Amino acid sequence: GNLTPSLKDDNNTGVDSLFKVGMKTEGGKTKVVVYVKDGSKLDYEKVKLEHEVTVFITDPDGLQDSIVRIIKVQDVNEAPVVKDFTKTIAENLPNNSVVGELDATDPDVLNKAFSTLTYTILENDVPFYLDSNVIKVADSDRLNYERDSVFIFHVKVSDGVNSATASVTIKLSNEGENPKII
């Protein structure tokens, strides 16, 4: 006969705003299916990880039966986010001097497997290196305003699966230098 599925939120937990129920016929059999209304509302880092859903089936005479199901939200690995970096530094900074820190985050704060970030400079021959997200001077002899006043390179930030890339611009300021007798 005509069965009507429904979902009730008796405990005011919000499950009716996350899920809906319907009937689905496959291979001559009719099944009750719980659907997600809006997947963007099921962000693992922002909602309860388990939802108790009570599904009711009502026939045309008003007779009703119910079943309780637990729906678990699974985490998916989201890409990290990194901001571009621009800074002006004095020329001739000594090796290992800190230039600055890249601002990178990963939405997967509840899952360490998805949120451990690594940082890699994509270009070769850059007079800087990375100590995690900290940019440091690798070759102070190349930080000479008269030869190169700007260095532009890219840093890949990865969580092991997904990645994002930041553009890094480091400008040199011209510093007064003592004359050298040759």
N, C-alpha and C. Protein backbone atom coordinates (compact mmCIF):
# COMPACT_ATOMS: atom_id res chain seq x y z
N GLY A 1 0.80 -1.18 0.00
CA GLY A 1 0.00 0.00 0.00
C GLY A 1 0.85 1.25 0.00
N ASN A 2 0.21 2.35 0.20
CA ASN A 2 0.89 3.64 0.27
C ASN A 2 1.41 3.88 1.67
N LEU A 3 2.70 3.76 1.83
CA LEU A 3 3.33 4.04 3.11
C LEU A 3 3.96 5.42 3.04
N THR A 4 3.86 6.14 4.15
CA THR A 4 4.41 7.48 4.21
C THR A 4 5.54 7.52 5.23
N PRO A 5 6.77 7.84 4.79
CA PRO A 5 7.88 7.95 5.73
C PRO A 5 7.92 9.35 6.33
N SER A 6 8.38 9.43 7.55
CA SER A 6 8.57 10.75 8.17
C SER A 6 9.72 10.67 9.16
N LEU A 7 10.23 11.81 9.48
CA LEU A 7 11.33 11.92 10.42
C LEU A 7 10.91 12.95 11.45
N LYS A 8 11.03 12.61 12.71
CA LYS A 8 10.65 13.56 13.75
C LYS A 8 11.84 13.86 14.64
N ASP A 9 11.91 15.09 15.04
CA ASP A 9 12.98 15.53 15.92
C ASP A 9 12.37 15.76 17.30
N ASP A 10 12.13 14.67 18.01
CA ASP A 10 11.48 14.75 19.32
C ASP A 10 12.37 15.39 20.38
N ASN A 11 13.68 15.32 20.19
CA ASN A 11 14.61 15.82 21.22
C ASN A 11 15.20 17.18 20.86
N ASN A 12 14.69 17.83 19.83
CA ASN A 12 15.22 19.12 19.38
C ASN A 12 16.73 19.08 19.15
N THR A 13 17.19 18.02 18.48
CA THR A 13 18.62 17.90 18.21
C THR A 13 19.01 18.47 16.86
N GLY A 14 18.03 18.84 16.04
CA GLY A 14 18.32 19.42 14.73
C GLY A 14 18.43 18.41 13.61
N VAL A 15 18.14 17.12 13.90
CA VAL A 15 18.28 16.13 12.84
C VAL A 15 17.33 16.40 11.67
N ASP A 16 16.19 17.00 11.94
CA ASP A 16 15.25 17.28 10.85
C ASP A 16 15.76 18.38 9.92
N SER A 17 16.72 19.18 10.39
CA SER A 17 17.31 20.20 9.51
C SER A 17 18.48 19.61 8.71
N LEU A 18 18.99 18.45 9.13
CA LEU A 18 20.12 17.82 8.44
C LEU A 18 19.69 16.70 7.49
N PHE A 19 18.61 16.00 7.86
CA PHE A 19 18.22 14.80 7.11
C PHE A 19 16.76 14.86 6.69
N LYS A 20 16.44 14.09 5.65
CA LYS A 20 15.06 13.90 5.21
C LYS A 20 14.91 12.42 4.85
N VAL A 21 13.68 11.93 4.81
CA VAL A 21 13.48 10.53 4.47
C VAL A 21 12.58 10.44 3.25
N GLY A 22 12.77 9.35 2.52
CA GLY A 22 11.95 9.11 1.34
C GLY A 22 11.89 7.62 1.06
N MET A 23 11.12 7.29 0.07
CA MET A 23 10.97 5.91 -0.36
C MET A 23 11.73 5.73 -1.67
N LYS A 24 12.35 4.56 -1.80
CA LYS A 24 13.12 4.26 -3.01
C LYS A 24 12.83 2.83 -3.41
N THR A 25 12.50 2.62 -4.67
CA THR A 25 12.22 1.27 -5.16
C THR A 25 13.38 0.79 -6.02
N GLU A 26 13.91 -0.37 -5.63
CA GLU A 26 15.01 -1.00 -6.36
C GLU A 26 14.71 -2.48 -6.50
N GLY A 27 14.79 -3.00 -7.71
CA GLY A 27 14.59 -4.43 -7.93
C GLY A 27 13.25 -4.93 -7.43
N GLY A 28 12.22 -4.11 -7.52
CA GLY A 28 10.89 -4.51 -7.08
C GLY A 28 10.66 -4.39 -5.59
N LYS A 29 11.67 -3.93 -4.85
CA LYS A 29 11.52 -3.77 -3.40
C LYS A 29 11.56 -2.28 -3.05
N THR A 30 10.69 -1.89 -2.14
CA THR A 30 10.65 -0.51 -1.70
C THR A 30 11.40 -0.39 -0.38
N LYS A 31 12.27 0.59 -0.32
CA LYS A 31 13.09 0.83 0.87
C LYS A 31 12.85 2.24 1.38
N VAL A 32 13.01 2.38 2.69
CA VAL A 32 13.00 3.70 3.30
C VAL A 32 14.46 4.17 3.34
N VAL A 33 14.71 5.38 2.84
CA VAL A 33 16.07 5.90 2.76
C VAL A 33 16.15 7.23 3.49
N VAL A 34 17.20 7.39 4.27
CA VAL A 34 17.47 8.67 4.93
C VAL A 34 18.50 9.40 4.07
N TYR A 35 18.16 10.62 3.64
CA TYR A 35 19.02 11.45 2.81
C TYR A 35 19.58 12.61 3.61
N VAL A 36 20.71 13.10 3.17
CA VAL A 36 21.27 14.33 3.73
C VAL A 36 20.63 15.50 2.99
N LYS A 37 20.06 16.46 3.74
CA LYS A 37 19.41 17.63 3.11
C LYS A 37 20.45 18.55 2.48
N ASP A 38 21.47 18.87 3.24
CA ASP A 38 22.47 19.84 2.79
C ASP A 38 23.82 19.40 3.35
N GLY A 39 24.65 18.80 2.50
CA GLY A 39 25.94 18.27 2.92
C GLY A 39 26.86 19.30 3.54
N SER A 40 26.70 20.57 3.19
CA SER A 40 27.58 21.60 3.75
C SER A 40 27.34 21.80 5.25
N LYS A 41 26.17 21.37 5.74
CA LYS A 41 25.88 21.49 7.17
C LYS A 41 26.49 20.35 7.98
N LEU A 42 27.04 19.34 7.30
CA LEU A 42 27.62 18.19 7.99
C LEU A 42 29.14 18.27 8.00
N ASP A 43 29.69 19.38 8.38
CA ASP A 43 31.13 19.55 8.49
C ASP A 43 31.60 18.84 9.75
N TYR A 44 32.46 17.86 9.58
CA TYR A 44 32.96 17.01 10.67
C TYR A 44 33.49 17.84 11.84
N GLU A 45 34.14 18.94 11.52
CA GLU A 45 34.75 19.76 12.57
C GLU A 45 33.74 20.65 13.29
N LYS A 46 32.48 20.70 12.81
CA LYS A 46 31.52 21.65 13.38
C LYS A 46 30.24 21.05 13.93
N VAL A 47 29.97 19.76 13.65
CA VAL A 47 28.71 19.16 14.11
C VAL A 47 28.99 17.97 15.02
N LYS A 48 27.92 17.48 15.65
CA LYS A 48 28.05 16.24 16.40
C LYS A 48 28.47 15.14 15.44
N LEU A 49 29.28 14.22 15.94
CA LEU A 49 29.80 13.17 15.07
C LEU A 49 28.81 12.03 14.88
N GLU A 50 27.79 11.96 15.77
CA GLU A 50 26.75 10.94 15.63
C GLU A 50 25.38 11.60 15.80
N HIS A 51 24.44 11.16 14.99
CA HIS A 51 23.08 11.69 15.05
C HIS A 51 22.11 10.53 15.16
N GLU A 52 21.23 10.60 16.15
CA GLU A 52 20.20 9.58 16.31
C GLU A 52 18.96 10.03 15.54
N VAL A 53 18.55 9.21 14.59
CA VAL A 53 17.43 9.54 13.72
C VAL A 53 16.31 8.52 13.96
N THR A 54 15.11 9.02 14.25
CA THR A 54 13.94 8.15 14.38
C THR A 54 13.09 8.31 13.12
N VAL A 55 12.95 7.19 12.39
CA VAL A 55 12.18 7.18 11.15
C VAL A 55 10.84 6.50 11.42
N PHE A 56 9.77 7.16 11.01
CA PHE A 56 8.42 6.62 11.19
C PHE A 56 7.86 6.25 9.83
N ILE A 57 7.11 5.15 9.79
CA ILE A 57 6.39 4.73 8.60
C ILE A 57 4.91 4.67 8.99
N THR A 58 4.09 5.34 8.22
CA THR A 58 2.65 5.40 8.51
C THR A 58 1.89 4.86 7.30
N ASP A 59 0.91 3.98 7.57
CA ASP A 59 0.09 3.47 6.46
C ASP A 59 -1.16 4.34 6.32
N PRO A 60 -1.99 4.11 5.27
CA PRO A 60 -3.17 4.96 5.03
C PRO A 60 -4.17 4.94 6.18
N ASP A 61 -4.16 3.91 7.04
CA ASP A 61 -5.09 3.83 8.17
C ASP A 61 -4.53 4.53 9.42
N GLY A 62 -3.33 5.10 9.31
CA GLY A 62 -2.76 5.79 10.46
C GLY A 62 -1.92 4.90 11.36
N LEU A 63 -1.80 3.63 11.03
CA LEU A 63 -0.95 2.74 11.82
C LEU A 63 0.51 3.11 11.54
N GLN A 64 1.30 3.02 12.60
CA GLN A 64 2.65 3.55 12.50
C GLN A 64 3.65 2.60 13.15
N ASP A 65 4.84 2.59 12.60
CA ASP A 65 5.96 1.88 13.20
C ASP A 65 7.17 2.80 13.08
N SER A 66 8.18 2.52 13.88
CA SER A 66 9.38 3.37 13.84
C SER A 66 10.63 2.53 14.02
N ILE A 67 11.72 3.11 13.62
CA ILE A 67 13.03 2.49 13.81
C ILE A 67 14.02 3.62 14.09
N VAL A 68 14.97 3.34 14.96
CA VAL A 68 16.01 4.32 15.30
C VAL A 68 17.30 3.92 14.60
N ARG A 69 17.93 4.87 13.96
CA ARG A 69 19.21 4.65 13.30
C ARG A 69 20.21 5.70 13.79
N ILE A 70 21.45 5.25 13.90
CA ILE A 70 22.54 6.18 14.24
C ILE A 70 23.29 6.49 12.95
N ILE A 71 23.42 7.77 12.65
CA ILE A 71 24.16 8.20 11.47
C ILE A 71 25.45 8.84 11.97
N LYS A 72 26.58 8.30 11.48
CA LYS A 72 27.89 8.81 11.88
C LYS A 72 28.45 9.68 10.76
N VAL A 73 28.98 10.82 11.14
CA VAL A 73 29.58 11.75 10.18
C VAL A 73 31.04 11.34 10.01
N GLN A 74 31.45 11.13 8.76
CA GLN A 74 32.83 10.75 8.49
C GLN A 74 33.62 11.98 8.06
N ASP A 75 34.85 12.02 8.51
CA ASP A 75 35.73 13.13 8.15
C ASP A 75 36.26 12.92 6.73
N VAL A 76 36.34 14.01 5.99
CA VAL A 76 37.02 14.00 4.69
C VAL A 76 38.18 14.98 4.79
N ASN A 77 39.22 14.68 4.07
CA ASN A 77 40.41 15.52 4.12
C ASN A 77 40.21 16.76 3.26
N GLU A 78 40.22 17.91 3.92
CA GLU A 78 40.09 19.19 3.20
C GLU A 78 41.48 19.79 2.99
N ALA A 79 41.61 20.56 1.95
CA ALA A 79 42.90 21.16 1.60
C ALA A 79 43.30 22.24 2.61
N PRO A 80 44.60 22.36 2.85
CA PRO A 80 45.07 23.46 3.68
C PRO A 80 44.88 24.80 2.96
N VAL A 81 44.97 25.86 3.72
CA VAL A 81 44.86 27.22 3.18
C VAL A 81 46.12 27.96 3.61
N VAL A 82 46.75 28.66 2.69
CA VAL A 82 47.95 29.42 3.01
C VAL A 82 47.85 30.80 2.38
N LYS A 83 48.27 31.81 3.13
CA LYS A 83 48.24 33.19 2.62
C LYS A 83 49.56 33.53 1.94
N ASP A 84 49.46 34.35 0.90
CA ASP A 84 50.68 34.86 0.26
C ASP A 84 51.46 35.69 1.29
N PHE A 85 52.77 35.78 1.07
CA PHE A 85 53.65 36.44 2.03
C PHE A 85 54.48 37.49 1.30
N THR A 86 54.51 38.71 1.85
CA THR A 86 55.35 39.78 1.32
C THR A 86 56.00 40.50 2.50
N LYS A 87 57.31 40.73 2.38
CA LYS A 87 58.02 41.44 3.44
C LYS A 87 59.26 42.10 2.87
N THR A 88 59.60 43.24 3.45
CA THR A 88 60.85 43.92 3.11
C THR A 88 61.83 43.69 4.26
N ILE A 89 63.03 43.26 3.90
CA ILE A 89 64.07 43.00 4.90
C ILE A 89 65.33 43.76 4.51
N ALA A 90 66.21 43.94 5.46
CA ALA A 90 67.49 44.60 5.19
C ALA A 90 68.37 43.66 4.37
N GLU A 91 69.09 44.25 3.40
CA GLU A 91 70.03 43.43 2.65
C GLU A 91 71.14 42.96 3.60
N ASN A 92 71.81 41.90 3.22
CA ASN A 92 72.96 41.36 3.96
C ASN A 92 72.61 40.79 5.33
N LEU A 93 71.36 40.39 5.54
CA LEU A 93 71.03 39.71 6.81
C LEU A 93 71.87 38.45 6.93
N PRO A 94 72.33 38.13 8.14
CA PRO A 94 73.16 36.93 8.29
C PRO A 94 72.37 35.64 8.04
N ASN A 95 73.09 34.58 7.69
CA ASN A 95 72.47 33.27 7.50
C ASN A 95 71.69 32.88 8.75
N ASN A 96 70.60 32.16 8.55
CA ASN A 96 69.70 31.66 9.60
C ASN A 96 68.83 32.74 10.25
N SER A 97 68.92 33.99 9.77
CA SER A 97 68.04 35.04 10.29
C SER A 97 66.60 34.71 9.91
N VAL A 98 65.69 34.99 10.82
CA VAL A 98 64.26 34.76 10.55
C VAL A 98 63.72 35.91 9.71
N VAL A 99 63.10 35.56 8.58
CA VAL A 99 62.48 36.55 7.71
C VAL A 99 61.02 36.73 8.10
N GLY A 100 60.34 35.63 8.39
CA GLY A 100 58.93 35.69 8.78
C GLY A 100 58.30 34.30 8.76
N GLU A 101 57.02 34.26 9.10
CA GLU A 101 56.29 33.00 9.15
C GLU A 101 55.15 32.99 8.13
N LEU A 102 55.02 31.86 7.45
CA LEU A 102 53.88 31.68 6.55
C LEU A 102 52.65 31.38 7.40
N ASP A 103 51.53 31.97 7.02
CA ASP A 103 50.26 31.77 7.73
C ASP A 103 49.48 30.69 6.99
N ALA A 104 49.54 29.46 7.51
CA ALA A 104 48.83 28.34 6.89
C ALA A 104 47.99 27.62 7.93
N THR A 105 46.81 27.19 7.51
CA THR A 105 45.92 26.46 8.40
C THR A 105 45.31 25.29 7.64
N ASP A 106 44.79 24.35 8.38
CA ASP A 106 44.08 23.22 7.78
C ASP A 106 42.77 23.07 8.54
N PRO A 107 41.65 22.98 7.82
CA PRO A 107 40.35 22.85 8.49
C PRO A 107 40.20 21.58 9.32
N ASP A 108 41.06 20.59 9.07
CA ASP A 108 40.92 19.29 9.73
C ASP A 108 41.54 19.29 11.12
N VAL A 109 41.07 20.17 11.99
CA VAL A 109 41.65 20.32 13.32
C VAL A 109 41.40 19.13 14.24
N LEU A 110 40.39 18.31 13.95
CA LEU A 110 40.08 17.18 14.81
C LEU A 110 40.79 15.90 14.40
N ASN A 111 41.48 15.93 13.27
CA ASN A 111 42.11 14.72 12.77
C ASN A 111 43.57 15.02 12.43
N LYS A 112 44.47 14.60 13.31
CA LYS A 112 45.90 14.88 13.10
C LYS A 112 46.43 14.26 11.80
N ALA A 113 45.85 13.14 11.38
CA ALA A 113 46.31 12.50 10.15
C ALA A 113 46.07 13.41 8.95
N PHE A 114 45.08 14.29 9.03
CA PHE A 114 44.76 15.18 7.93
C PHE A 114 45.30 16.60 8.13
N SER A 115 45.83 16.92 9.29
CA SER A 115 46.15 18.33 9.55
C SER A 115 47.63 18.60 9.85
N THR A 116 48.50 17.61 9.65
CA THR A 116 49.93 17.85 9.82
C THR A 116 50.47 18.41 8.52
N LEU A 117 50.99 19.62 8.58
CA LEU A 117 51.40 20.33 7.37
C LEU A 117 52.91 20.26 7.15
N THR A 118 53.28 20.14 5.87
CA THR A 118 54.69 20.23 5.48
C THR A 118 54.82 21.39 4.49
N TYR A 119 56.01 21.99 4.46
CA TYR A 119 56.26 23.18 3.66
C TYR A 119 57.46 22.93 2.75
N THR A 120 57.31 23.27 1.45
CA THR A 120 58.38 23.03 0.49
C THR A 120 58.49 24.22 -0.45
N ILE A 121 59.72 24.74 -0.60
CA ILE A 121 59.97 25.79 -1.59
C ILE A 121 60.02 25.10 -2.96
N LEU A 122 59.25 25.60 -3.91
CA LEU A 122 59.13 24.95 -5.21
C LEU A 122 60.27 25.27 -6.17
N GLU A 123 60.87 26.43 -6.05
CA GLU A 123 61.96 26.80 -6.95
C GLU A 123 63.31 26.40 -6.35
N ASN A 124 64.26 26.17 -7.26
CA ASN A 124 65.65 25.94 -6.83
C ASN A 124 66.36 27.29 -6.78
N ASP A 125 67.51 27.29 -6.19
CA ASP A 125 68.38 28.47 -6.19
C ASP A 125 67.73 29.70 -5.56
N VAL A 126 67.09 29.49 -4.43
CA VAL A 126 66.49 30.59 -3.66
C VAL A 126 67.37 30.80 -2.42
N PRO A 127 67.73 32.03 -2.07
CA PRO A 127 68.62 32.23 -0.93
C PRO A 127 67.91 32.16 0.44
N PHE A 128 66.84 31.39 0.49
CA PHE A 128 66.09 31.21 1.73
C PHE A 128 65.79 29.73 1.91
N TYR A 129 65.48 29.34 3.14
CA TYR A 129 65.05 27.97 3.40
C TYR A 129 63.90 28.02 4.40
N LEU A 130 63.25 26.90 4.56
CA LEU A 130 62.11 26.81 5.48
C LEU A 130 62.45 25.93 6.66
N ASP A 131 62.08 26.40 7.84
CA ASP A 131 62.12 25.61 9.06
C ASP A 131 60.66 25.50 9.48
N SER A 132 59.99 24.45 9.02
CA SER A 132 58.54 24.32 9.12
C SER A 132 57.94 25.48 8.33
N ASN A 133 57.18 26.37 8.99
CA ASN A 133 56.57 27.49 8.27
C ASN A 133 57.37 28.78 8.39
N VAL A 134 58.57 28.70 8.95
CA VAL A 134 59.40 29.89 9.17
C VAL A 134 60.41 30.03 8.02
N ILE A 135 60.39 31.21 7.39
CA ILE A 135 61.32 31.50 6.31
C ILE A 135 62.60 32.06 6.93
N LYS A 136 63.75 31.47 6.55
CA LYS A 136 65.04 31.91 7.09
C LYS A 136 66.03 32.14 5.95
N VAL A 137 67.05 32.94 6.25
CA VAL A 137 68.09 33.24 5.27
C VAL A 137 69.02 32.03 5.13
N ALA A 138 69.22 31.59 3.88
CA ALA A 138 70.12 30.46 3.61
C ALA A 138 71.47 30.94 3.07
N ASP A 139 71.46 32.03 2.30
CA ASP A 139 72.70 32.51 1.66
C ASP A 139 72.73 34.04 1.72
N SER A 140 73.32 34.54 2.80
CA SER A 140 73.32 35.99 3.02
C SER A 140 74.11 36.74 1.96
N ASP A 141 75.08 36.09 1.31
CA ASP A 141 75.86 36.76 0.27
C ASP A 141 74.98 37.17 -0.91
N ARG A 142 73.87 36.48 -1.14
CA ARG A 142 72.99 36.81 -2.25
C ARG A 142 72.00 37.92 -1.91
N LEU A 143 71.92 38.31 -0.65
CA LEU A 143 70.99 39.37 -0.25
C LEU A 143 71.67 40.73 -0.43
N ASN A 144 71.87 41.09 -1.68
CA ASN A 144 72.57 42.32 -2.03
C ASN A 144 71.63 43.15 -2.92
N TYR A 145 71.19 44.25 -2.38
CA TYR A 145 70.22 45.12 -3.07
C TYR A 145 70.70 45.53 -4.47
N GLU A 146 72.00 45.76 -4.60
CA GLU A 146 72.54 46.22 -5.88
C GLU A 146 72.48 45.11 -6.95
N ARG A 147 72.42 43.85 -6.56
CA ARG A 147 72.33 42.73 -7.52
C ARG A 147 70.88 42.29 -7.75
N ASP A 148 70.15 42.06 -6.66
CA ASP A 148 68.74 41.62 -6.71
C ASP A 148 67.99 42.33 -5.59
N SER A 149 67.01 43.12 -5.95
CA SER A 149 66.28 43.84 -4.90
C SER A 149 64.99 43.12 -4.48
N VAL A 150 64.58 42.11 -5.28
CA VAL A 150 63.35 41.37 -4.97
C VAL A 150 63.55 39.88 -5.28
N PHE A 151 63.07 39.04 -4.38
CA PHE A 151 63.06 37.59 -4.61
C PHE A 151 61.61 37.13 -4.55
N ILE A 152 61.19 36.43 -5.59
CA ILE A 152 59.83 35.89 -5.64
C ILE A 152 59.94 34.37 -5.83
N PHE A 153 59.28 33.63 -4.95
CA PHE A 153 59.26 32.17 -5.08
C PHE A 153 57.94 31.66 -4.51
N HIS A 154 57.74 30.36 -4.61
CA HIS A 154 56.47 29.76 -4.19
C HIS A 154 56.71 28.65 -3.16
N VAL A 155 55.79 28.54 -2.23
CA VAL A 155 55.87 27.51 -1.20
C VAL A 155 54.62 26.65 -1.27
N LYS A 156 54.85 25.35 -1.37
CA LYS A 156 53.74 24.39 -1.36
C LYS A 156 53.52 23.93 0.08
N VAL A 157 52.27 24.03 0.52
CA VAL A 157 51.88 23.56 1.86
C VAL A 157 51.00 22.35 1.65
N SER A 158 51.39 21.22 2.25
CA SER A 158 50.67 19.97 2.01
C SER A 158 50.29 19.30 3.33
N ASP A 159 49.12 18.65 3.31
CA ASP A 159 48.72 17.83 4.47
C ASP A 159 48.98 16.35 4.19
N GLY A 160 49.74 16.07 3.14
CA GLY A 160 50.06 14.71 2.76
C GLY A 160 49.21 14.22 1.59
N VAL A 161 48.06 14.84 1.38
CA VAL A 161 47.17 14.49 0.26
C VAL A 161 46.83 15.73 -0.55
N ASN A 162 46.32 16.74 0.12
CA ASN A 162 45.93 17.99 -0.52
C ASN A 162 47.00 19.05 -0.29
N SER A 163 47.03 20.05 -1.17
CA SER A 163 48.03 21.11 -1.00
C SER A 163 47.49 22.45 -1.47
N ALA A 164 48.19 23.48 -1.07
CA ALA A 164 47.93 24.85 -1.50
C ALA A 164 49.29 25.51 -1.71
N THR A 165 49.31 26.56 -2.50
CA THR A 165 50.58 27.22 -2.80
C THR A 165 50.50 28.70 -2.47
N ALA A 166 51.56 29.18 -1.82
CA ALA A 166 51.66 30.61 -1.49
C ALA A 166 52.73 31.24 -2.36
N SER A 167 52.48 32.46 -2.78
CA SER A 167 53.49 33.26 -3.47
C SER A 167 54.23 34.05 -2.39
N VAL A 168 55.55 33.97 -2.41
CA VAL A 168 56.38 34.66 -1.42
C VAL A 168 57.19 35.73 -2.14
N THR A 169 57.08 36.98 -1.66
CA THR A 169 57.83 38.10 -2.22
C THR A 169 58.65 38.70 -1.09
N ILE A 170 59.96 38.67 -1.25
CA ILE A 170 60.85 39.27 -0.25
C ILE A 170 61.64 40.37 -0.95
N LYS A 171 61.42 41.59 -0.45
CA LYS A 171 62.10 42.76 -1.03
C LYS A 171 63.26 43.12 -0.11
N LEU A 172 64.32 43.61 -0.70
CA LEU A 172 65.48 44.05 0.07
C LEU A 172 65.49 45.57 0.16
N SER A 173 65.82 46.07 1.33
CA SER A 173 66.01 47.51 1.47
C SER A 173 67.50 47.81 1.31
N ASN A 174 67.79 48.92 0.71
CA ASN A 174 69.18 49.30 0.46
C ASN A 174 69.77 49.86 1.75
N GLU A 175 70.77 49.21 2.26
CA GLU A 175 71.41 49.63 3.51
C GLU A 175 72.74 50.29 3.19
N GLY A 176 73.11 51.24 3.99
CA GLY A 176 74.42 51.87 3.84
C GLY A 176 75.50 50.83 4.14
N GLU A 177 76.45 50.73 3.24
CA GLU A 177 77.51 49.74 3.43
C GLU A 177 78.84 50.44 3.54
N ASN A 178 79.66 49.95 4.43
CA ASN A 178 81.00 50.51 4.59
C ASN A 178 81.81 50.22 3.33
N PRO A 179 82.56 51.21 2.86
CA PRO A 179 83.39 50.98 1.69
C PRO A 179 84.48 49.94 2.01
N LYS A 180 84.83 49.15 0.99
CA LYS A 180 85.86 48.15 1.16
C LYS A 180 87.10 48.56 0.39
N ILE A 181 88.23 48.44 1.04
CA ILE A 181 89.50 48.72 0.37
C ILE A 181 89.95 47.42 -0.26
N ILE A 182 90.24 47.50 -1.54
CA ILE A 182 90.64 46.29 -2.25
C ILE A 182 92.12 46.31 -2.50
